[in-house]
């Protein structure tokens, strides 16, 4: 989880362990091109716009990301 109190939590991906799972946040105080924040379990983060997140969601819905999700760990 992020220690930035400005971030609004949207989702946790995994959540079945206590290992610091990836999370999705909105930072309403950031510039519009950086308001979407995804953190990983290694302390890294990426920032993107709402439009970029919408594109990612649409690709996931269409099945375009299925092959990547099925790759073995």
C-alpha atoms as a PDB file:
ATOM      1  CA  UNK A   1       0.000   0.000   0.000  1.00  0.00           C
ATOM      2  CA  UNK A   2       1.145   3.519  -0.671  1.00  0.00           C
ATOM      3  CA  UNK A   3       2.025   5.882   2.146  1.00  0.00           C
ATOM      4  CA  UNK A   4       0.702   8.912   0.211  1.00  0.00           C
ATOM      5  CA  UNK A   5      -2.502  10.032   1.971  1.00  0.00           C
ATOM      6  CA  UNK A   6      -3.697  11.790  -1.217  1.00  0.00           C
ATOM      7  CA  UNK A   7      -4.090   8.514  -3.084  1.00  0.00           C
ATOM      8  CA  UNK A   8      -7.585   7.062  -3.346  1.00  0.00           C
ATOM      9  CA  UNK A   9      -7.493   3.253  -3.344  1.00  0.00           C
ATOM     10  CA  UNK A  10      -9.409   1.614  -6.206  1.00  0.00           C
ATOM     11  CA  UNK A  11      -8.296  -2.033  -6.293  1.00  0.00           C
ATOM     12  CA  UNK A  12      -5.803  -4.589  -5.001  1.00  0.00           C
ATOM     13  CA  UNK A  13      -4.623  -7.264  -7.428  1.00  0.00           C
ATOM     14  CA  UNK A  14      -4.162 -10.569  -5.629  1.00  0.00           C
ATOM     15  CA  UNK A  15      -4.846  -9.680  -2.024  1.00  0.00           C
ATOM     16  CA  UNK A  16      -4.565 -13.330  -0.977  1.00  0.00           C
ATOM     17  CA  UNK A  17      -1.291 -12.854   0.817  1.00  0.00           C
ATOM     18  CA  UNK A  18       0.634 -10.348   2.888  1.00  0.00           C
ATOM     19  CA  UNK A  19       3.350  -9.684   0.309  1.00  0.00           C
ATOM     20  CA  UNK A  20       2.470  -6.177  -0.826  1.00  0.00           C
ATOM     21  CA  UNK A  21       0.301  -6.975  -3.834  1.00  0.00           C
ATOM     22  CA  UNK A  22      -0.015  -4.554  -6.768  1.00  0.00           C
ATOM     23  CA  UNK A  23      -2.622  -1.841  -6.236  1.00  0.00           C
ATOM     24  CA  UNK A  24      -4.478   0.746  -8.297  1.00  0.00           C
ATOM     25  CA  UNK A  25      -4.994   4.283  -6.983  1.00  0.00           C
ATOM     26  CA  UNK A  26      -6.234   7.674  -8.187  1.00  0.00           C
ATOM     27  CA  UNK A  27      -4.213  10.740  -7.194  1.00  0.00           C
ATOM     28  CA  UNK A  28      -6.584  13.692  -7.577  1.00  0.00           C
ATOM     29  CA  UNK A  29      -3.767  16.132  -6.743  1.00  0.00           C
ATOM     30  CA  UNK A  30      -1.499  14.995  -9.616  1.00  0.00           C
ATOM     31  CA  UNK A  31      -1.494  16.521 -13.070  1.00  0.00           C
ATOM     32  CA  UNK A  32      -4.118  14.869 -15.319  1.00  0.00           C
ATOM     33  CA  UNK A  33      -1.577  12.791 -17.256  1.00  0.00           C
ATOM     34  CA  UNK A  34      -0.368  11.188 -14.001  1.00  0.00           C
ATOM     35  CA  UNK A  35      -3.510  10.749 -11.884  1.00  0.00           C
ATOM     36  CA  UNK A  36      -3.746   6.964 -12.235  1.00  0.00           C
ATOM     37  CA  UNK A  37      -1.130   5.212 -10.085  1.00  0.00           C
ATOM     38  CA  UNK A  38      -0.312   1.510 -10.122  1.00  0.00           C
ATOM     39  CA  UNK A  39       2.077   0.245  -7.470  1.00  0.00           C
ATOM     40  CA  UNK A  40       3.783  -3.127  -7.489  1.00  0.00           C
ATOM     41  CA  UNK A  41       4.970  -5.411  -4.726  1.00  0.00           C
ATOM     42  CA  UNK A  42       8.564  -4.197  -5.134  1.00  0.00           C
ATOM     43  CA  UNK A  43       7.867  -0.565  -4.226  1.00  0.00           C
ATOM     44  CA  UNK A  44       7.780   0.690  -7.819  1.00  0.00           C
ATOM     45  CA  UNK A  45       4.955   2.650  -9.410  1.00  0.00           C
ATOM     46  CA  UNK A  46       3.717   3.805 -12.754  1.00  0.00           C
ATOM     47  CA  UNK A  47       1.500   6.776 -13.436  1.00  0.00           C
ATOM     48  CA  UNK A  48      -0.843   7.248 -16.367  1.00  0.00           C
ATOM     49  CA  UNK A  49      -3.833   9.262 -17.495  1.00  0.00           C
ATOM     50  CA  UNK A  50      -7.477   8.236 -17.174  1.00  0.00           C
ATOM     51  CA  UNK A  51      -7.541   7.764 -20.970  1.00  0.00           C
ATOM     52  CA  UNK A  52      -4.587   5.371 -20.804  1.00  0.00           C
ATOM     53  CA  UNK A  53      -6.291   3.362 -18.062  1.00  0.00           C
ATOM     54  CA  UNK A  54      -9.502   3.274 -20.106  1.00  0.00           C
ATOM     55  CA  UNK A  55      -7.501   1.898 -23.055  1.00  0.00           C
ATOM     56  CA  UNK A  56      -5.907  -0.756 -20.827  1.00  0.00           C
ATOM     57  CA  UNK A  57      -9.320  -1.777 -19.481  1.00  0.00           C
ATOM     58  CA  UNK A  58     -10.760  -1.976 -23.005  1.00  0.00           C
ATOM     59  CA  UNK A  59      -7.874  -4.164 -24.159  1.00  0.00           C
ATOM     60  CA  UNK A  60      -8.422  -6.442 -21.157  1.00  0.00           C
ATOM     61  CA  UNK A  61     -12.140  -6.687 -21.910  1.00  0.00           C
ATOM     62  CA  UNK A  62     -11.508  -7.518 -25.561  1.00  0.00           C
ATOM     63  CA  UNK A  63      -9.161 -10.363 -24.624  1.00  0.00           C
ATOM     64  CA  UNK A  64      -6.050  -8.695 -26.042  1.00  0.00           C
ATOM     65  CA  UNK A  65      -4.192  -9.240 -22.759  1.00  0.00           C
ATOM     66  CA  UNK A  66      -5.245 -12.842 -22.186  1.00  0.00           C
ATOM     67  CA  UNK A  67      -2.044 -14.351 -23.570  1.00  0.00           C
ATOM     68  CA  UNK A  68       0.086 -12.278 -21.189  1.00  0.00           C
ATOM     69  CA  UNK A  69      -2.060 -13.287 -18.219  1.00  0.00           C
ATOM     70  CA  UNK A  70      -1.658 -16.984 -19.033  1.00  0.00           C
ATOM     71  CA  UNK A  71       2.142 -16.976 -19.118  1.00  0.00           C
ATOM     72  CA  UNK A  72       3.696 -19.175 -16.417  1.00  0.00           C
ATOM     73  CA  UNK A  73       5.405 -17.434 -13.530  1.00  0.00           C
END
